[in-house]
Amino acid sequence: MNLRVLMIQSEPEELLFLQDVIRELEEQRWLGEWSRIETYSAATWAEAERILATSSPHTVLLDLDLEEKGGIETFRLAQAAAPDVPLILLVQPSDEALASKLILEGAEDFLIKKEIDCAPLAHALRNAVGRHKRLAALRAAALTDSLTGLLNHAGFFAAASRDRKLAERLRRRWMLLVAEPKNLAEIVRAFGDQRRDLELVEAADHLRTIAGPADLLGRIDAGRFGMGVFDSNVESAEEAWVRIRAAAAERRIDIGASFYDHDRPLSLDAMLELALSDLPPKRALPAQGQVSIVGAA
């Protein structure tokens, strides 16, 4: 099987460098699962659009310094034209924050231009295509919770795994929250499952108003929700924790939290365990299964 790579690059010298690195990848079998690497190049969006329409590349390498439309505009155009093709961004060191923002908007990965070599490029290509296949399989299995319209268990933890890895790479703090409406077991015993479902829908709606546009939100089991929040220049993780906990308390929702930072590099499973242990003790819900991160990368 051949790996098809589209390079959107307007600088001839940088394009030649990329081609040399990819040629070395092929010659030295860095990507052994693919027998050959087919490359396509485009200096403008018009050229890239034609290739995307006719060649179905497995991944795209996009230079954010693109001269014609600019890399950000081309990123959005490529995303719209080929939503099933993973995009790897090529950026200057000064654009790392922008690249991380675009990852939250759907880019698969980014590489610092001066650090591009066989090993990092092979790693990025392999991970981008592999993650894309896994995410496509998850989408096929449906990632939306039918009751609340939020991400379901599989969808939330697939995205949370991505965000936790991004936090590690960028050395940014990231917070994992678990939210649980109070007294769900008592509501079920007194009023039945229908009233419990209404309580969960109302809790989901309230959590939507608390979460920011870049925050992750999903229903992770029968009676709990998960939220992922990055540290930012506007609000630290601790400030977000105080705000979210106060807002959740208004709707009688308990919140448990755990934090990832570079000095405390917890796994996603460990973060979930800490967040669950931070919740006030609850009576178990009828037929509620134990939370686990099955299939999270």
Protein backbone atom coordinates (compact mmCIF):
# COMPACT_ATOMS: atom_id res chain seq x y z
CA MET A 1 0.00 0.00 0.00
CA ASN A 2 1.30 3.46 -0.91
CA LEU A 3 1.09 6.49 1.41
CA ARG A 4 -0.14 9.56 -0.46
CA VAL A 5 1.06 12.91 0.93
CA LEU A 6 0.03 16.36 -0.34
CA MET A 7 2.48 19.18 0.43
CA ILE A 8 0.96 22.69 0.29
CA GLN A 9 4.08 24.82 0.14
CA SER A 10 4.75 28.02 -1.81
CA GLU A 11 8.51 28.27 -1.14
CA PRO A 12 10.50 26.19 -3.71
CA GLU A 13 13.50 25.69 -1.42
CA GLU A 14 11.37 24.47 1.48
CA LEU A 15 9.46 22.18 -0.88
CA LEU A 16 12.72 20.64 -2.12
CA PHE A 17 13.82 20.11 1.49
CA LEU A 18 10.55 18.33 2.32
CA GLN A 19 10.85 16.16 -0.76
CA ASP A 20 14.40 15.19 0.24
CA VAL A 21 13.28 14.19 3.74
CA ILE A 22 10.37 12.17 2.37
CA ARG A 23 12.69 10.48 -0.15
CA GLU A 24 14.95 9.47 2.72
CA LEU A 25 11.95 8.16 4.65
CA GLU A 26 11.10 5.96 1.70
CA GLU A 27 14.65 4.79 0.99
CA GLN A 28 15.40 3.88 4.60
CA ARG A 29 11.97 2.35 5.23
CA TRP A 30 11.06 4.63 8.13
CA LEU A 31 7.42 3.90 7.35
CA GLY A 32 7.63 0.17 6.82
CA GLU A 33 3.87 -0.34 6.71
CA TRP A 34 3.78 1.58 3.42
CA SER A 35 5.79 0.23 0.51
CA ARG A 36 6.04 3.60 -1.22
CA ILE A 37 5.32 7.29 -0.53
CA GLU A 38 3.55 9.18 -3.31
CA THR A 39 3.93 12.94 -3.03
CA TYR A 40 1.91 15.75 -4.55
CA SER A 41 2.79 19.43 -4.26
CA ALA A 42 0.74 22.61 -4.53
CA ALA A 43 1.95 26.19 -4.29
CA THR A 44 -1.58 27.68 -4.28
CA TRP A 45 -4.98 26.73 -2.91
CA ALA A 46 -6.32 26.28 -6.47
CA GLU A 47 -3.69 23.61 -7.13
CA ALA A 48 -4.32 21.98 -3.74
CA GLU A 49 -8.07 21.90 -4.33
CA ARG A 50 -7.63 20.07 -7.65
CA ILE A 51 -5.37 17.48 -6.03
CA LEU A 52 -7.73 16.93 -3.11
CA ALA A 53 -10.60 16.45 -5.54
CA THR A 54 -8.82 13.89 -7.71
CA SER A 55 -6.09 12.11 -5.74
CA SER A 56 -7.46 11.39 -2.24
CA PRO A 57 -4.23 11.88 -0.25
CA HIS A 58 -3.91 10.16 3.11
CA THR A 59 -2.57 13.32 4.77
CA VAL A 60 -1.64 16.95 4.03
CA LEU A 61 1.48 18.87 5.07
CA LEU A 62 0.45 22.55 5.16
CA ASP A 63 2.89 25.43 5.58
CA LEU A 64 1.26 28.17 7.68
CA ASP A 65 3.59 30.68 5.95
CA LEU A 66 1.86 30.04 2.63
CA GLU A 67 2.10 33.18 0.49
CA GLU A 68 -1.09 33.13 -1.60
CA LYS A 69 -4.09 33.03 0.74
CA GLY A 70 -2.17 32.51 3.97
CA GLY A 71 -1.88 29.26 5.85
CA ILE A 72 -4.80 29.82 8.19
CA GLU A 73 -7.26 30.50 5.37
CA THR A 74 -5.90 27.54 3.39
CA PHE A 75 -6.26 25.36 6.50
CA ARG A 76 -9.95 26.23 6.75
CA LEU A 77 -10.49 25.71 3.02
CA ALA A 78 -8.76 22.33 3.12
CA GLN A 79 -10.72 21.34 6.20
CA ALA A 80 -13.98 22.17 4.41
CA ALA A 81 -12.97 20.55 1.11
CA ALA A 82 -11.55 17.35 2.61
CA PRO A 83 -12.80 16.90 6.20
CA ASP A 84 -11.65 13.25 6.23
CA VAL A 85 -8.00 14.06 5.41
CA PRO A 86 -5.73 14.74 8.45
CA LEU A 87 -3.78 18.02 8.29
CA ILE A 88 -0.24 18.38 9.68
CA LEU A 89 0.87 22.01 10.06
CA LEU A 90 4.40 23.24 9.34
CA VAL A 91 5.11 26.29 11.50
CA GLN A 92 7.76 28.70 12.71
CA PRO A 93 8.62 28.53 16.45
CA SER A 94 6.77 31.83 16.96
CA ASP A 95 3.55 30.25 15.62
CA GLU A 96 3.39 27.37 18.11
CA ALA A 97 0.48 28.90 20.02
CA LEU A 98 -1.45 29.40 16.78
CA ALA A 99 -0.74 25.80 15.78
CA SER A 100 -2.08 24.49 19.10
CA LYS A 101 -5.24 26.56 18.60
CA LEU A 102 -5.71 25.06 15.13
CA ILE A 103 -5.26 21.56 16.58
CA LEU A 104 -8.22 22.27 18.84
CA GLU A 105 -10.09 23.29 15.67
CA GLY A 106 -9.30 20.04 13.89
CA ALA A 107 -5.67 19.92 12.70
CA GLU A 108 -4.01 16.57 13.48
CA ASP A 109 -0.51 17.72 14.45
CA PHE A 110 2.19 20.32 13.82
CA LEU A 111 5.93 20.34 13.20
CA ILE A 112 8.40 23.15 13.83
CA LYS A 113 10.09 23.76 10.47
CA LYS A 114 13.66 23.90 11.74
CA GLU A 115 13.14 20.60 13.60
CA ILE A 116 11.83 18.63 10.60
CA ASP A 117 13.82 15.46 10.03
CA CYS A 118 13.10 11.82 9.26
CA ALA A 119 12.19 10.77 12.80
CA PRO A 120 9.72 13.58 13.69
CA LEU A 121 8.14 13.56 10.23
CA ALA A 122 7.72 9.78 10.21
CA HIS A 123 6.22 9.95 13.71
CA ALA A 124 3.79 12.70 12.69
CA LEU A 125 2.71 10.92 9.50
CA ARG A 126 2.22 7.56 11.20
CA ASN A 127 0.27 9.06 14.11
CA ALA A 128 -1.87 11.32 11.91
CA VAL A 129 -2.98 8.48 9.64
CA GLY A 130 -3.38 6.06 12.55
CA ARG A 131 -5.39 8.48 14.68
CA HIS A 132 -7.53 9.34 11.69
CA LYS A 133 -8.37 5.68 11.14
CA ARG A 134 -9.25 5.21 14.81
CA LEU A 135 -11.37 8.35 14.91
CA ALA A 136 -13.14 7.34 11.70
CA ALA A 137 -14.00 4.00 13.32
CA LEU A 138 -15.27 5.79 16.42
CA ARG A 139 -17.41 8.12 14.33
CA ALA A 140 -18.86 5.12 12.55
CA ALA A 141 -19.80 3.72 15.95
CA ALA A 142 -21.51 7.05 16.77
CA LEU A 143 -19.86 9.43 19.21
CA THR A 144 -22.96 11.31 20.33
CA ASP A 145 -25.02 10.52 23.41
CA SER A 146 -28.61 10.12 22.24
CA LEU A 147 -30.13 11.55 25.45
CA THR A 148 -28.13 14.76 25.90
CA GLY A 149 -26.60 15.41 22.47
CA LEU A 150 -23.12 15.61 24.04
CA LEU A 151 -20.16 13.40 23.19
CA ASN A 152 -20.67 9.91 24.54
CA HIS A 153 -18.11 7.91 26.55
CA ALA A 154 -16.00 6.84 23.54
CA GLY A 155 -16.10 10.24 21.90
CA PHE A 156 -15.19 12.15 25.05
CA PHE A 157 -12.19 10.00 25.96
CA ALA A 158 -10.86 9.92 22.40
CA ALA A 159 -10.84 13.74 22.43
CA ALA A 160 -9.56 13.87 26.04
CA SER A 161 -6.63 11.63 25.09
CA ARG A 162 -5.75 14.05 22.28
CA ASP A 163 -5.96 17.07 24.60
CA ARG A 164 -3.89 15.44 27.33
CA LYS A 165 -1.14 14.61 24.80
CA LEU A 166 -1.28 18.18 23.50
CA ALA A 167 -0.90 19.49 27.05
CA GLU A 168 2.17 17.29 27.51
CA ARG A 169 3.74 18.41 24.27
CA LEU A 170 3.14 22.12 24.86
CA ARG A 171 3.84 21.89 28.60
CA ARG A 172 0.47 23.49 29.27
CA ARG A 173 -1.74 22.76 32.24
CA TRP A 174 -4.97 20.89 31.53
CA MET A 175 -7.86 20.09 33.85
CA LEU A 176 -10.13 17.04 33.76
CA LEU A 177 -13.47 17.46 35.55
CA VAL A 178 -16.14 14.93 36.42
CA ALA A 179 -19.64 16.34 37.07
CA GLU A 180 -22.47 14.48 38.78
CA PRO A 181 -25.99 15.79 39.56
CA LYS A 182 -26.89 15.32 43.21
CA ASN A 183 -29.36 12.71 44.41
CA LEU A 184 -29.89 10.84 41.12
CA ALA A 185 -30.34 7.53 42.93
CA GLU A 186 -33.04 9.06 45.14
CA ILE A 187 -34.77 10.57 42.07
CA VAL A 188 -34.87 7.14 40.39
CA ARG A 189 -36.35 5.48 43.47
CA ALA A 190 -38.94 8.20 43.98
CA PHE A 191 -39.91 9.14 40.40
CA GLY A 192 -38.43 6.55 38.02
CA ASP A 193 -36.05 6.63 35.07
CA GLN A 194 -37.95 9.25 33.08
CA ARG A 195 -37.48 11.90 35.77
CA ARG A 196 -33.81 10.95 36.06
CA ASP A 197 -33.37 11.39 32.30
CA LEU A 198 -34.95 14.84 32.49
CA GLU A 199 -32.55 15.73 35.31
CA LEU A 200 -29.60 14.62 33.16
CA VAL A 201 -30.79 16.65 30.16
CA GLU A 202 -31.15 19.76 32.31
CA ALA A 203 -27.71 19.17 33.84
CA ALA A 204 -26.19 18.81 30.36
CA ASP A 205 -27.78 22.07 29.26
CA HIS A 206 -26.41 23.84 32.33
CA LEU A 207 -22.91 22.46 31.78
CA ARG A 208 -23.03 23.73 28.20
CA THR A 209 -23.52 27.26 29.53
CA ILE A 210 -20.50 26.83 31.84
CA ALA A 211 -18.11 25.33 29.28
CA GLY A 212 -16.10 27.63 27.02
CA PRO A 213 -16.07 27.24 23.21
CA ALA A 214 -12.75 25.34 23.29
CA ASP A 215 -13.62 23.18 26.33
CA LEU A 216 -14.41 19.49 25.98
CA LEU A 217 -17.76 18.22 27.30
CA GLY A 218 -19.42 14.81 27.22
CA ARG A 219 -21.55 12.27 29.08
CA ILE A 220 -19.13 9.62 30.33
CA ASP A 221 -21.51 7.16 32.00
CA ALA A 222 -25.10 6.74 33.18
CA GLY A 223 -25.04 9.61 35.66
CA ARG A 224 -21.82 11.55 35.11
CA PHE A 225 -20.35 14.10 32.72
CA GLY A 226 -16.75 14.89 31.82
CA MET A 227 -15.16 18.23 30.96
CA GLY A 228 -11.65 19.09 29.75
CA VAL A 229 -10.28 22.63 30.16
CA PHE A 230 -6.91 24.06 29.09
CA ASP A 231 -5.02 26.68 31.05
CA SER A 232 -5.08 29.99 29.13
CA ASN A 233 -3.85 33.55 29.30
CA VAL A 234 -7.39 34.64 30.11
CA GLU A 235 -8.09 32.14 32.90
CA SER A 236 -5.81 29.75 34.76
CA ALA A 237 -6.91 26.18 35.43
CA GLU A 238 -7.46 27.03 39.11
CA GLU A 239 -9.58 30.07 38.23
CA ALA A 240 -11.62 27.96 35.81
CA TRP A 241 -12.07 25.34 38.55
CA VAL A 242 -13.43 27.90 41.02
CA ARG A 243 -15.78 29.40 38.40
CA ILE A 244 -17.07 26.03 37.15
CA ARG A 245 -17.59 24.60 40.63
CA ALA A 246 -19.58 27.67 41.74
CA ALA A 247 -21.71 27.67 38.59
CA ALA A 248 -22.36 23.91 38.85
CA ALA A 249 -23.42 24.24 42.50
CA GLU A 250 -26.24 26.57 41.39
CA ARG A 251 -27.79 23.57 39.60
CA ARG A 252 -26.92 21.09 42.40
CA ILE A 253 -24.13 19.44 40.40
CA ASP A 254 -21.07 18.08 42.22
CA ILE A 255 -17.68 18.52 40.54
CA GLY A 256 -14.46 16.55 40.98
CA ALA A 257 -11.19 17.73 39.42
CA SER A 258 -7.68 16.61 38.56
CA PHE A 259 -4.86 18.58 36.93
CA TYR A 260 -2.14 17.75 34.43
CA ASP A 261 1.06 19.77 34.41
CA HIS A 262 4.64 19.17 33.33
CA ASP A 263 5.83 18.57 36.91
CA ARG A 264 3.04 16.06 37.49
CA PRO A 265 2.64 14.11 34.20
CA LEU A 266 -0.37 11.96 35.07
CA SER A 267 -1.91 9.50 32.63
CA LEU A 268 -5.51 10.03 31.58
CA ASP A 269 -6.59 7.01 33.64
CA ALA A 270 -4.88 8.44 36.72
CA MET A 271 -6.50 11.83 36.16
CA LEU A 272 -9.93 10.22 35.89
CA GLU A 273 -9.36 8.27 39.11
CA LEU A 274 -8.36 11.44 40.96
CA ALA A 275 -11.32 13.41 39.61
CA LEU A 276 -13.73 10.65 40.66
CA SER A 277 -12.19 10.48 44.13
CA ASP A 278 -12.66 14.25 44.43
CA LEU A 279 -16.46 13.86 44.15
CA PRO A 280 -18.49 13.76 47.37
CA PRO A 281 -19.51 10.19 48.33
CA LYS A 282 -22.67 9.07 46.54
CA ARG A 283 -25.06 6.20 46.72
CA ALA A 284 -24.57 4.00 43.67
CA LEU A 285 -27.08 4.37 40.84
CA PRO A 286 -29.10 1.28 39.95
CA ALA A 287 -27.30 -0.70 37.21
CA GLN A 288 -24.57 1.91 36.87
CA GLY A 289 -21.34 0.47 35.51
CA GLN A 290 -17.86 1.39 36.61
CA VAL A 291 -16.28 4.19 34.60
CA SER A 292 -13.26 3.17 32.53
CA ILE A 293 -11.42 4.52 29.51
CA VAL A 294 -11.82 1.63 27.12
CA GLY A 295 -10.22 2.31 23.75
CA ALA A 296 -8.71 5.70 24.64
CA ALA A 297 -5.39 6.28 22.86
